Amino acid sequence: MHTRSCDRRLLASGEFALVEMCDCGAVHLTVGAITLRLNPETLPALAEVVGAAASELALHELLHAHRPARAEARS
């Protein structure tokens, strides 16, 4: 278990997350109160998956934003 304090260098930050490189070799991805410690090789694959999910979500919202509301069933 890692017990000493790590020195981190900010790689990127945004409204909801930040990514730091630690001198111990780990990449720290912080979203809200959650921090994931990743191998540096994992970050690009994670970014690819999150990017694909964001694209799918945007497409889903686009397709459903212009759909007219269904009429209520008549009794």
N, C-alpha and C. Protein backbone atom coordinates (compact mmCIF):
# COMPACT_ATOMS: atom_id res chain seq x y z
N MET A 1 0.84 -1.20 0.00
CA MET A 1 0.00 0.00 0.00
C MET A 1 0.87 1.24 0.00
N HIS A 2 0.46 2.22 -0.72
CA HIS A 2 1.21 3.47 -0.86
C HIS A 2 0.97 4.33 0.38
N THR A 3 2.04 4.68 1.09
CA THR A 3 1.84 5.43 2.34
C THR A 3 2.43 6.83 2.31
N ARG A 4 3.42 7.10 1.46
CA ARG A 4 4.00 8.44 1.45
C ARG A 4 3.16 9.39 0.62
N SER A 5 3.34 10.67 0.86
CA SER A 5 2.62 11.66 0.06
C SER A 5 3.19 11.70 -1.34
N CYS A 6 2.33 11.79 -2.29
CA CYS A 6 2.75 11.87 -3.69
C CYS A 6 2.71 13.32 -4.14
N ASP A 7 3.62 13.64 -5.02
CA ASP A 7 3.56 14.94 -5.69
C ASP A 7 2.86 14.72 -7.02
N ARG A 8 1.85 15.51 -7.26
CA ARG A 8 1.06 15.36 -8.48
C ARG A 8 1.20 16.59 -9.36
N ARG A 9 1.16 16.34 -10.68
CA ARG A 9 1.20 17.40 -11.68
C ARG A 9 -0.11 17.36 -12.45
N LEU A 10 -0.79 18.49 -12.52
CA LEU A 10 -2.07 18.58 -13.22
C LEU A 10 -1.87 18.38 -14.72
N LEU A 11 -2.60 17.42 -15.28
CA LEU A 11 -2.57 17.19 -16.73
C LEU A 11 -3.72 17.90 -17.42
N ALA A 12 -4.90 17.86 -16.80
CA ALA A 12 -6.08 18.51 -17.38
C ALA A 12 -7.15 18.64 -16.31
N SER A 13 -8.01 19.64 -16.48
CA SER A 13 -9.13 19.79 -15.56
C SER A 13 -10.30 20.39 -16.29
N GLY A 14 -11.48 20.13 -15.78
CA GLY A 14 -12.70 20.66 -16.35
C GLY A 14 -13.69 20.92 -15.25
N GLU A 15 -14.91 21.16 -15.64
CA GLU A 15 -15.96 21.51 -14.67
C GLU A 15 -16.22 20.40 -13.67
N PHE A 16 -16.13 19.14 -14.12
CA PHE A 16 -16.51 18.02 -13.26
C PHE A 16 -15.38 17.06 -12.92
N ALA A 17 -14.21 17.24 -13.52
CA ALA A 17 -13.15 16.24 -13.31
C ALA A 17 -11.78 16.88 -13.46
N LEU A 18 -10.78 16.18 -12.91
CA LEU A 18 -9.40 16.56 -13.15
C LEU A 18 -8.54 15.32 -13.24
N VAL A 19 -7.44 15.45 -13.97
CA VAL A 19 -6.52 14.35 -14.18
C VAL A 19 -5.13 14.83 -13.79
N GLU A 20 -4.48 14.06 -12.92
CA GLU A 20 -3.14 14.41 -12.46
C GLU A 20 -2.20 13.23 -12.66
N MET A 21 -0.93 13.54 -12.89
CA MET A 21 0.12 12.53 -12.98
C MET A 21 0.88 12.57 -11.67
N CYS A 22 1.03 11.42 -11.05
CA CYS A 22 1.68 11.31 -9.76
C CYS A 22 3.14 10.91 -9.95
N ASP A 23 4.01 11.36 -9.05
CA ASP A 23 5.42 10.98 -9.17
C ASP A 23 5.65 9.50 -8.89
N CYS A 24 4.64 8.80 -8.37
CA CYS A 24 4.76 7.36 -8.17
C CYS A 24 4.41 6.59 -9.44
N GLY A 25 4.00 7.32 -10.50
CA GLY A 25 3.71 6.70 -11.79
C GLY A 25 2.24 6.50 -12.07
N ALA A 26 1.38 6.74 -11.11
CA ALA A 26 -0.06 6.56 -11.31
C ALA A 26 -0.68 7.83 -11.89
N VAL A 27 -1.76 7.63 -12.62
CA VAL A 27 -2.59 8.74 -13.08
C VAL A 27 -3.81 8.77 -12.17
N HIS A 28 -4.11 9.94 -11.62
CA HIS A 28 -5.25 10.10 -10.74
C HIS A 28 -6.35 10.81 -11.51
N LEU A 29 -7.50 10.16 -11.63
CA LEU A 29 -8.68 10.72 -12.27
C LEU A 29 -9.69 10.99 -11.17
N THR A 30 -9.98 12.26 -10.94
CA THR A 30 -10.91 12.65 -9.88
C THR A 30 -12.18 13.20 -10.50
N VAL A 31 -13.30 12.59 -10.11
CA VAL A 31 -14.63 13.04 -10.51
C VAL A 31 -15.42 13.21 -9.22
N GLY A 32 -15.72 14.46 -8.87
CA GLY A 32 -16.40 14.71 -7.61
C GLY A 32 -15.53 14.24 -6.45
N ALA A 33 -16.11 13.42 -5.58
CA ALA A 33 -15.40 12.92 -4.40
C ALA A 33 -14.68 11.61 -4.67
N ILE A 34 -14.71 11.12 -5.89
CA ILE A 34 -14.12 9.82 -6.24
C ILE A 34 -12.82 10.04 -7.01
N THR A 35 -11.76 9.36 -6.58
CA THR A 35 -10.49 9.39 -7.31
C THR A 35 -10.11 7.97 -7.68
N LEU A 36 -9.84 7.77 -8.96
CA LEU A 36 -9.34 6.48 -9.45
C LEU A 36 -7.85 6.60 -9.70
N ARG A 37 -7.10 5.61 -9.26
CA ARG A 37 -5.67 5.54 -9.56
C ARG A 37 -5.50 4.56 -10.72
N LEU A 38 -4.98 5.06 -11.82
CA LEU A 38 -4.88 4.27 -13.04
C LEU A 38 -3.42 4.11 -13.46
N ASN A 39 -3.14 3.03 -14.16
CA ASN A 39 -1.87 2.92 -14.87
C ASN A 39 -1.92 3.92 -16.02
N PRO A 40 -0.82 4.56 -16.35
CA PRO A 40 -0.84 5.53 -17.44
C PRO A 40 -1.36 4.95 -18.76
N GLU A 41 -1.13 3.65 -18.99
CA GLU A 41 -1.59 3.02 -20.23
C GLU A 41 -3.11 2.90 -20.28
N THR A 42 -3.77 2.96 -19.14
CA THR A 42 -5.22 2.79 -19.06
C THR A 42 -5.96 4.05 -19.48
N LEU A 43 -5.37 5.22 -19.26
CA LEU A 43 -6.07 6.48 -19.52
C LEU A 43 -6.55 6.63 -20.96
N PRO A 44 -5.74 6.38 -21.98
CA PRO A 44 -6.25 6.53 -23.36
C PRO A 44 -7.41 5.58 -23.66
N ALA A 45 -7.36 4.36 -23.17
CA ALA A 45 -8.46 3.41 -23.41
C ALA A 45 -9.72 3.88 -22.70
N LEU A 46 -9.58 4.39 -21.49
CA LEU A 46 -10.73 4.91 -20.76
C LEU A 46 -11.32 6.13 -21.48
N ALA A 47 -10.46 7.00 -21.96
CA ALA A 47 -10.92 8.18 -22.70
C ALA A 47 -11.69 7.77 -23.95
N GLU A 48 -11.22 6.72 -24.62
CA GLU A 48 -11.91 6.24 -25.82
C GLU A 48 -13.31 5.73 -25.49
N VAL A 49 -13.44 4.96 -24.41
CA VAL A 49 -14.73 4.41 -24.02
C VAL A 49 -15.69 5.53 -23.59
N VAL A 50 -15.19 6.47 -22.80
CA VAL A 50 -16.05 7.57 -22.33
C VAL A 50 -16.45 8.44 -23.52
N GLY A 51 -15.54 8.68 -24.45
CA GLY A 51 -15.87 9.46 -25.65
C GLY A 51 -16.93 8.78 -26.50
N ALA A 52 -16.81 7.46 -26.66
CA ALA A 52 -17.81 6.71 -27.42
C ALA A 52 -19.17 6.77 -26.74
N ALA A 53 -19.18 6.66 -25.41
CA ALA A 53 -20.44 6.74 -24.67
C ALA A 53 -21.07 8.12 -24.82
N ALA A 54 -20.25 9.17 -24.76
CA ALA A 54 -20.76 10.53 -24.92
C ALA A 54 -21.36 10.73 -26.31
N SER A 55 -20.72 10.17 -27.33
CA SER A 55 -21.25 10.26 -28.69
C SER A 55 -22.58 9.53 -28.82
N GLU A 56 -22.67 8.35 -28.26
CA GLU A 56 -23.93 7.59 -28.30
C GLU A 56 -25.04 8.32 -27.57
N LEU A 57 -24.72 8.91 -26.43
CA LEU A 57 -25.71 9.65 -25.66
C LEU A 57 -26.19 10.87 -26.45
N ALA A 58 -25.27 11.59 -27.07
CA ALA A 58 -25.65 12.75 -27.87
C ALA A 58 -26.55 12.34 -29.04
N LEU A 59 -26.22 11.23 -29.70
CA LEU A 59 -27.05 10.74 -30.80
C LEU A 59 -28.44 10.35 -30.30
N HIS A 60 -28.49 9.66 -29.18
CA HIS A 60 -29.78 9.26 -28.60
C HIS A 60 -30.63 10.49 -28.28
N GLU A 61 -30.02 11.50 -27.67
CA GLU A 61 -30.77 12.72 -27.33
C GLU A 61 -31.23 13.45 -28.59
N LEU A 62 -30.40 13.47 -29.62
CA LEU A 62 -30.77 14.12 -30.86
C LEU A 62 -31.95 13.42 -31.52
N LEU A 63 -31.90 12.10 -31.57
CA LEU A 63 -32.98 11.33 -32.19
C LEU A 63 -34.29 11.45 -31.42
N HIS A 64 -34.22 11.56 -30.12
CA HIS A 64 -35.44 11.61 -29.31
C HIS A 64 -35.92 13.03 -29.04
N ALA A 65 -35.11 14.03 -29.33
CA ALA A 65 -35.50 15.42 -29.09
C ALA A 65 -36.55 15.88 -30.09
N HIS A 66 -36.53 15.34 -31.30
CA HIS A 66 -37.45 15.79 -32.35
C HIS A 66 -38.63 14.86 -32.55
N ARG A 67 -38.76 13.87 -31.69
CA ARG A 67 -39.87 12.93 -31.80
C ARG A 67 -41.12 13.59 -31.21
N PRO A 68 -42.22 13.64 -31.95
CA PRO A 68 -43.44 14.25 -31.39
C PRO A 68 -43.98 13.40 -30.24
N ALA A 69 -44.61 14.09 -29.31
CA ALA A 69 -45.19 13.39 -28.16
C ALA A 69 -46.32 12.49 -28.65
N ARG A 70 -46.42 11.31 -28.05
CA ARG A 70 -47.49 10.37 -28.44
C ARG A 70 -48.81 10.85 -27.86
N ALA A 71 -49.86 10.66 -28.65
CA ALA A 71 -51.20 11.02 -28.16
C ALA A 71 -51.61 10.03 -27.07
N GLU A 72 -52.31 10.52 -26.09
CA GLU A 72 -52.76 9.64 -25.00
C GLU A 72 -53.82 8.69 -25.53
N ALA A 73 -53.81 7.50 -24.98
CA ALA A 73 -54.79 6.47 -25.40
C ALA A 73 -56.19 6.96 -25.04
N ARG A 74 -57.12 6.72 -25.96
CA ARG A 74 -58.50 7.13 -25.72
C ARG A 74 -59.26 5.99 -25.09
N SER A 75 -60.13 6.31 -24.17
CA SER A 75 -60.93 5.28 -23.49
C SER A 75 -62.22 5.05 -24.21
